[in-house]
């Protein structure tokens, strides 16, 4: 279901060119079905997008990702939905090492408290530490990959059909550009 299919990895697992070509021939149908299911079953989607080449100079990809995740979740998503109960936030276990996973959990909780102290936070409740789960077993992470893929496709090709198909599920504007991108 990924928008980018690493053919070389699949060759090593025994797939042939013909099998991969057949799969890729059905990618559009599969993506649109997945987006339809997402629209029917989720409460909303929101994406953070960034041109890493124009981002804050000297930031590592990890720091940039953590910053964008916290900013987008706390300022854009949580303020828009103002949930009655604190949400469970999950992220891909393979994204960070064990020690960096622990650091990220502390960072997100502290960022939530900091935003509250400076008056940026616009929702009640507190974020608990996010939970790292395997993307192999978590449909919520599959859904986030579909959303990310739709925006990546729009930005890399100019073709917005997948992004636009998600529009019924957008929270607010549906996305927040960081450093350099516009999708209007």
C-alpha atoms as a PDB file:
ATOM      1  CA  UNK A   1       0.000   0.000   0.000  1.00  0.00           C
ATOM      2  CA  UNK A   2       3.007   2.312   0.154  1.00  0.00           C
ATOM      3  CA  UNK A   3       3.195   5.100  -2.380  1.00  0.00           C
ATOM      4  CA  UNK A   4       6.886   4.358  -2.850  1.00  0.00           C
ATOM      5  CA  UNK A   5       7.596   0.713  -3.423  1.00  0.00           C
ATOM      6  CA  UNK A   6      11.285  -0.191  -2.960  1.00  0.00           C
ATOM      7  CA  UNK A   7      11.561  -2.737  -5.773  1.00  0.00           C
ATOM      8  CA  UNK A   8      15.092  -3.785  -4.847  1.00  0.00           C
ATOM      9  CA  UNK A   9      13.958  -4.838  -1.376  1.00  0.00           C
ATOM     10  CA  UNK A  10      11.143  -6.866  -2.889  1.00  0.00           C
ATOM     11  CA  UNK A  11      13.463  -8.510  -5.437  1.00  0.00           C
ATOM     12  CA  UNK A  12      15.515  -9.774  -2.495  1.00  0.00           C
ATOM     13  CA  UNK A  13      12.358 -11.286  -1.032  1.00  0.00           C
ATOM     14  CA  UNK A  14      11.736 -13.232  -4.254  1.00  0.00           C
ATOM     15  CA  UNK A  15       9.238 -11.075  -6.142  1.00  0.00           C
ATOM     16  CA  UNK A  16       9.613 -10.867  -9.905  1.00  0.00           C
ATOM     17  CA  UNK A  17       9.373  -7.869 -12.231  1.00  0.00           C
ATOM     18  CA  UNK A  18       6.081  -9.223 -13.588  1.00  0.00           C
ATOM     19  CA  UNK A  19       4.547  -9.540 -10.119  1.00  0.00           C
ATOM     20  CA  UNK A  20       5.628  -6.036  -9.149  1.00  0.00           C
ATOM     21  CA  UNK A  21       4.388  -4.571 -12.441  1.00  0.00           C
ATOM     22  CA  UNK A  22       0.994  -6.213 -11.882  1.00  0.00           C
ATOM     23  CA  UNK A  23       0.853  -4.836  -8.328  1.00  0.00           C
ATOM     24  CA  UNK A  24       1.867  -1.342  -9.464  1.00  0.00           C
ATOM     25  CA  UNK A  25      -0.801  -1.477 -12.164  1.00  0.00           C
ATOM     26  CA  UNK A  26      -3.400  -1.700  -9.398  1.00  0.00           C
ATOM     27  CA  UNK A  27      -1.832   0.920  -7.115  1.00  0.00           C
ATOM     28  CA  UNK A  28      -4.262   3.709  -8.061  1.00  0.00           C
ATOM     29  CA  UNK A  29      -7.305   1.516  -7.376  1.00  0.00           C
ATOM     30  CA  UNK A  30      -5.830   0.283  -4.089  1.00  0.00           C
ATOM     31  CA  UNK A  31      -4.954   3.806  -2.945  1.00  0.00           C
ATOM     32  CA  UNK A  32      -8.404   5.148  -3.740  1.00  0.00           C
ATOM     33  CA  UNK A  33     -10.068   2.222  -1.928  1.00  0.00           C
ATOM     34  CA  UNK A  34      -7.852   2.824   1.099  1.00  0.00           C
ATOM     35  CA  UNK A  35      -8.696   6.538   1.071  1.00  0.00           C
ATOM     36  CA  UNK A  36     -12.425   5.744   0.811  1.00  0.00           C
ATOM     37  CA  UNK A  37     -12.161   3.418   3.826  1.00  0.00           C
ATOM     38  CA  UNK A  38     -10.190   6.069   5.699  1.00  0.00           C
ATOM     39  CA  UNK A  39     -12.817   8.728   4.955  1.00  0.00           C
ATOM     40  CA  UNK A  40     -15.589   6.402   6.122  1.00  0.00           C
ATOM     41  CA  UNK A  41     -13.945   5.305   9.345  1.00  0.00           C
ATOM     42  CA  UNK A  42     -11.719   8.042  10.755  1.00  0.00           C
ATOM     43  CA  UNK A  43     -12.485  11.170  12.725  1.00  0.00           C
ATOM     44  CA  UNK A  44     -10.167  13.334  10.683  1.00  0.00           C
ATOM     45  CA  UNK A  45      -6.772  13.690   9.036  1.00  0.00           C
ATOM     46  CA  UNK A  46      -4.119  16.364   9.144  1.00  0.00           C
ATOM     47  CA  UNK A  47      -0.645  16.509   7.608  1.00  0.00           C
ATOM     48  CA  UNK A  48       2.505  18.467   8.316  1.00  0.00           C
ATOM     49  CA  UNK A  49       4.593  19.083   5.222  1.00  0.00           C
ATOM     50  CA  UNK A  50       8.098  20.448   4.966  1.00  0.00           C
ATOM     51  CA  UNK A  51      10.773  21.186   2.412  1.00  0.00           C
ATOM     52  CA  UNK A  52      13.732  19.873   4.404  1.00  0.00           C
ATOM     53  CA  UNK A  53      16.155  21.845   2.252  1.00  0.00           C
ATOM     54  CA  UNK A  54      14.566  25.097   3.478  1.00  0.00           C
ATOM     55  CA  UNK A  55      14.123  24.074   7.117  1.00  0.00           C
ATOM     56  CA  UNK A  56      16.071  25.502  10.031  1.00  0.00           C
ATOM     57  CA  UNK A  57      19.735  25.146   9.180  1.00  0.00           C
ATOM     58  CA  UNK A  58      21.618  22.731  11.416  1.00  0.00           C
ATOM     59  CA  UNK A  59      18.609  20.732  12.606  1.00  0.00           C
ATOM     60  CA  UNK A  60      18.857  16.983  12.268  1.00  0.00           C
ATOM     61  CA  UNK A  61      15.976  15.193  10.492  1.00  0.00           C
ATOM     62  CA  UNK A  62      14.995  13.743  13.875  1.00  0.00           C
ATOM     63  CA  UNK A  63      14.842  17.133  15.591  1.00  0.00           C
ATOM     64  CA  UNK A  64      12.918  18.572  12.668  1.00  0.00           C
ATOM     65  CA  UNK A  65      10.446  15.668  12.761  1.00  0.00           C
ATOM     66  CA  UNK A  66       9.952  15.959  16.523  1.00  0.00           C
ATOM     67  CA  UNK A  67       9.392  19.724  16.279  1.00  0.00           C
ATOM     68  CA  UNK A  68       6.906  19.417  13.415  1.00  0.00           C
ATOM     69  CA  UNK A  69       5.051  16.561  15.118  1.00  0.00           C
ATOM     70  CA  UNK A  70       4.653  18.452  18.407  1.00  0.00           C
ATOM     71  CA  UNK A  71       3.758  21.777  16.785  1.00  0.00           C
ATOM     72  CA  UNK A  72       1.206  20.229  14.465  1.00  0.00           C
ATOM     73  CA  UNK A  73      -0.373  17.935  17.043  1.00  0.00           C
ATOM     74  CA  UNK A  74      -0.638  20.488  19.842  1.00  0.00           C
ATOM     75  CA  UNK A  75      -1.338  23.685  17.906  1.00  0.00           C
ATOM     76  CA  UNK A  76      -3.305  22.485  14.879  1.00  0.00           C
ATOM     77  CA  UNK A  77      -4.919  19.120  15.571  1.00  0.00           C
ATOM     78  CA  UNK A  78      -5.672  19.121  19.293  1.00  0.00           C
ATOM     79  CA  UNK A  79      -6.904  22.727  19.255  1.00  0.00           C
ATOM     80  CA  UNK A  80      -9.272  21.903  16.389  1.00  0.00           C
ATOM     81  CA  UNK A  81     -10.776  18.789  17.915  1.00  0.00           C
ATOM     82  CA  UNK A  82     -10.507  19.645  21.667  1.00  0.00           C
ATOM     83  CA  UNK A  83     -11.141  16.043  22.736  1.00  0.00           C
ATOM     84  CA  UNK A  84     -13.090  15.269  25.877  1.00  0.00           C
ATOM     85  CA  UNK A  85     -10.445  12.736  26.943  1.00  0.00           C
ATOM     86  CA  UNK A  86      -6.705  12.832  26.399  1.00  0.00           C
ATOM     87  CA  UNK A  87      -5.939  10.964  23.193  1.00  0.00           C
ATOM     88  CA  UNK A  88      -3.599   8.052  22.835  1.00  0.00           C
ATOM     89  CA  UNK A  89      -0.797   9.181  20.552  1.00  0.00           C
ATOM     90  CA  UNK A  90       1.131   6.458  18.738  1.00  0.00           C
ATOM     91  CA  UNK A  91       4.221   6.551  16.560  1.00  0.00           C
ATOM     92  CA  UNK A  92       6.216   4.014  14.588  1.00  0.00           C
ATOM     93  CA  UNK A  93       8.510   1.979  16.822  1.00  0.00           C
ATOM     94  CA  UNK A  94      11.099   1.798  14.032  1.00  0.00           C
ATOM     95  CA  UNK A  95      11.356   5.592  13.790  1.00  0.00           C
ATOM     96  CA  UNK A  96      13.720   6.040  16.743  1.00  0.00           C
ATOM     97  CA  UNK A  97      16.155   4.038  18.851  1.00  0.00           C
ATOM     98  CA  UNK A  98      14.964   2.993  22.327  1.00  0.00           C
ATOM     99  CA  UNK A  99      16.783   5.861  24.051  1.00  0.00           C
ATOM    100  CA  UNK A 100      15.580   8.418  21.527  1.00  0.00           C
ATOM    101  CA  UNK A 101      12.050   7.041  21.824  1.00  0.00           C
ATOM    102  CA  UNK A 102      12.193   7.790  25.539  1.00  0.00           C
ATOM    103  CA  UNK A 103      13.524  11.292  24.828  1.00  0.00           C
ATOM    104  CA  UNK A 104      10.739  11.918  22.298  1.00  0.00           C
ATOM    105  CA  UNK A 105       8.049  10.896  24.797  1.00  0.00           C
ATOM    106  CA  UNK A 106       9.419  13.346  27.365  1.00  0.00           C
ATOM    107  CA  UNK A 107       9.782  16.053  24.701  1.00  0.00           C
ATOM    108  CA  UNK A 108       6.137  15.785  23.608  1.00  0.00           C
ATOM    109  CA  UNK A 109       4.745  15.880  27.154  1.00  0.00           C
ATOM    110  CA  UNK A 110       7.003  18.818  28.052  1.00  0.00           C
ATOM    111  CA  UNK A 111       6.056  20.672  24.855  1.00  0.00           C
ATOM    112  CA  UNK A 112       2.358  20.279  25.745  1.00  0.00           C
ATOM    113  CA  UNK A 113       3.022  21.770  29.200  1.00  0.00           C
ATOM    114  CA  UNK A 114       5.206  24.536  27.764  1.00  0.00           C
ATOM    115  CA  UNK A 115       2.567  25.562  25.215  1.00  0.00           C
ATOM    116  CA  UNK A 116       0.046  25.702  28.042  1.00  0.00           C
ATOM    117  CA  UNK A 117       2.337  27.913  30.155  1.00  0.00           C
ATOM    118  CA  UNK A 118       2.859  30.448  27.340  1.00  0.00           C
ATOM    119  CA  UNK A 119      -0.810  30.488  26.293  1.00  0.00           C
ATOM    120  CA  UNK A 120      -0.439  28.768  22.910  1.00  0.00           C
ATOM    121  CA  UNK A 121      -2.349  25.634  23.893  1.00  0.00           C
ATOM    122  CA  UNK A 122      -6.050  25.944  23.051  1.00  0.00           C
ATOM    123  CA  UNK A 123      -7.548  22.725  24.391  1.00  0.00           C
ATOM    124  CA  UNK A 124      -8.237  21.245  27.783  1.00  0.00           C
ATOM    125  CA  UNK A 125      -6.495  18.179  29.118  1.00  0.00           C
ATOM    126  CA  UNK A 126      -2.961  16.967  28.804  1.00  0.00           C
ATOM    127  CA  UNK A 127      -1.127  14.781  26.368  1.00  0.00           C
ATOM    128  CA  UNK A 128       0.230  11.600  27.863  1.00  0.00           C
ATOM    129  CA  UNK A 129       3.463  10.082  26.638  1.00  0.00           C
ATOM    130  CA  UNK A 130       3.101   8.725  23.100  1.00  0.00           C
ATOM    131  CA  UNK A 131       3.296   4.982  22.618  1.00  0.00           C
ATOM    132  CA  UNK A 132       5.715   3.437  20.155  1.00  0.00           C
ATOM    133  CA  UNK A 133       4.139   0.518  18.293  1.00  0.00           C
ATOM    134  CA  UNK A 134       5.194  -1.582  15.342  1.00  0.00           C
ATOM    135  CA  UNK A 135       3.903  -0.278  12.036  1.00  0.00           C
ATOM    136  CA  UNK A 136       3.559  -3.902  10.934  1.00  0.00           C
ATOM    137  CA  UNK A 137       0.620  -4.371  13.310  1.00  0.00           C
ATOM    138  CA  UNK A 138      -0.996  -0.954  13.678  1.00  0.00           C
ATOM    139  CA  UNK A 139      -3.731   0.151  11.235  1.00  0.00           C
ATOM    140  CA  UNK A 140      -3.487   3.714  12.569  1.00  0.00           C
ATOM    141  CA  UNK A 141       0.074   3.916  11.291  1.00  0.00           C
ATOM    142  CA  UNK A 142      -0.998   2.413   7.963  1.00  0.00           C
ATOM    143  CA  UNK A 143      -3.600   5.168   7.726  1.00  0.00           C
ATOM    144  CA  UNK A 144      -1.005   7.833   8.483  1.00  0.00           C
ATOM    145  CA  UNK A 145       1.184   6.398   5.711  1.00  0.00           C
ATOM    146  CA  UNK A 146      -1.736   6.735   3.286  1.00  0.00           C
ATOM    147  CA  UNK A 147      -2.244  10.371   4.292  1.00  0.00           C
ATOM    148  CA  UNK A 148       1.478  11.126   4.070  1.00  0.00           C
ATOM    149  CA  UNK A 149       1.668   9.405   0.706  1.00  0.00           C
ATOM    150  CA  UNK A 150      -1.232  11.450  -0.648  1.00  0.00           C
ATOM    151  CA  UNK A 151       0.505  14.697   0.276  1.00  0.00           C
ATOM    152  CA  UNK A 152       3.898  13.484  -0.931  1.00  0.00           C
ATOM    153  CA  UNK A 153       2.354  12.548  -4.273  1.00  0.00           C
ATOM    154  CA  UNK A 154       0.753  15.999  -4.589  1.00  0.00           C
ATOM    155  CA  UNK A 155       4.008  17.774  -3.788  1.00  0.00           C
ATOM    156  CA  UNK A 156       6.292  15.622  -5.909  1.00  0.00           C
ATOM    157  CA  UNK A 157       4.086  15.341  -9.011  1.00  0.00           C
ATOM    158  CA  UNK A 158       1.620  18.243  -8.784  1.00  0.00           C
ATOM    159  CA  UNK A 159      -1.192  15.680  -9.031  1.00  0.00           C
ATOM    160  CA  UNK A 160      -3.515  16.329  -6.074  1.00  0.00           C
ATOM    161  CA  UNK A 161      -6.095  13.576  -6.704  1.00  0.00           C
ATOM    162  CA  UNK A 162      -5.210  11.526  -3.609  1.00  0.00           C
ATOM    163  CA  UNK A 163      -4.932  14.575  -1.372  1.00  0.00           C
ATOM    164  CA  UNK A 164      -8.248  15.906  -2.666  1.00  0.00           C
ATOM    165  CA  UNK A 165      -9.884  12.517  -2.103  1.00  0.00           C
ATOM    166  CA  UNK A 166      -8.997  12.931   1.596  1.00  0.00           C
ATOM    167  CA  UNK A 167     -10.568  16.408   1.786  1.00  0.00           C
ATOM    168  CA  UNK A 168     -13.836  15.164   3.393  1.00  0.00           C
ATOM    169  CA  UNK A 169     -11.763  14.042   6.390  1.00  0.00           C
ATOM    170  CA  UNK A 170      -9.571  17.129   6.752  1.00  0.00           C
ATOM    171  CA  UNK A 171      -9.355  18.652  10.198  1.00  0.00           C
ATOM    172  CA  UNK A 172      -9.541  22.369   9.504  1.00  0.00           C
ATOM    173  CA  UNK A 173      -7.460  23.205   6.445  1.00  0.00           C
ATOM    174  CA  UNK A 174      -6.070  19.647   6.460  1.00  0.00           C
ATOM    175  CA  UNK A 175      -2.394  20.472   6.485  1.00  0.00           C
ATOM    176  CA  UNK A 176       0.264  22.801   7.791  1.00  0.00           C
ATOM    177  CA  UNK A 177       3.188  23.754   5.593  1.00  0.00           C
ATOM    178  CA  UNK A 178       6.562  24.237   7.255  1.00  0.00           C
ATOM    179  CA  UNK A 179       9.328  26.026   5.365  1.00  0.00           C
ATOM    180  CA  UNK A 180       8.727  26.266   1.695  1.00  0.00           C
ATOM    181  CA  UNK A 181       5.624  24.421   0.529  1.00  0.00           C
ATOM    182  CA  UNK A 182       2.251  25.642  -0.597  1.00  0.00           C
ATOM    183  CA  UNK A 183      -0.618  23.486  -1.783  1.00  0.00           C
ATOM    184  CA  UNK A 184      -3.312  26.057  -2.435  1.00  0.00           C
END
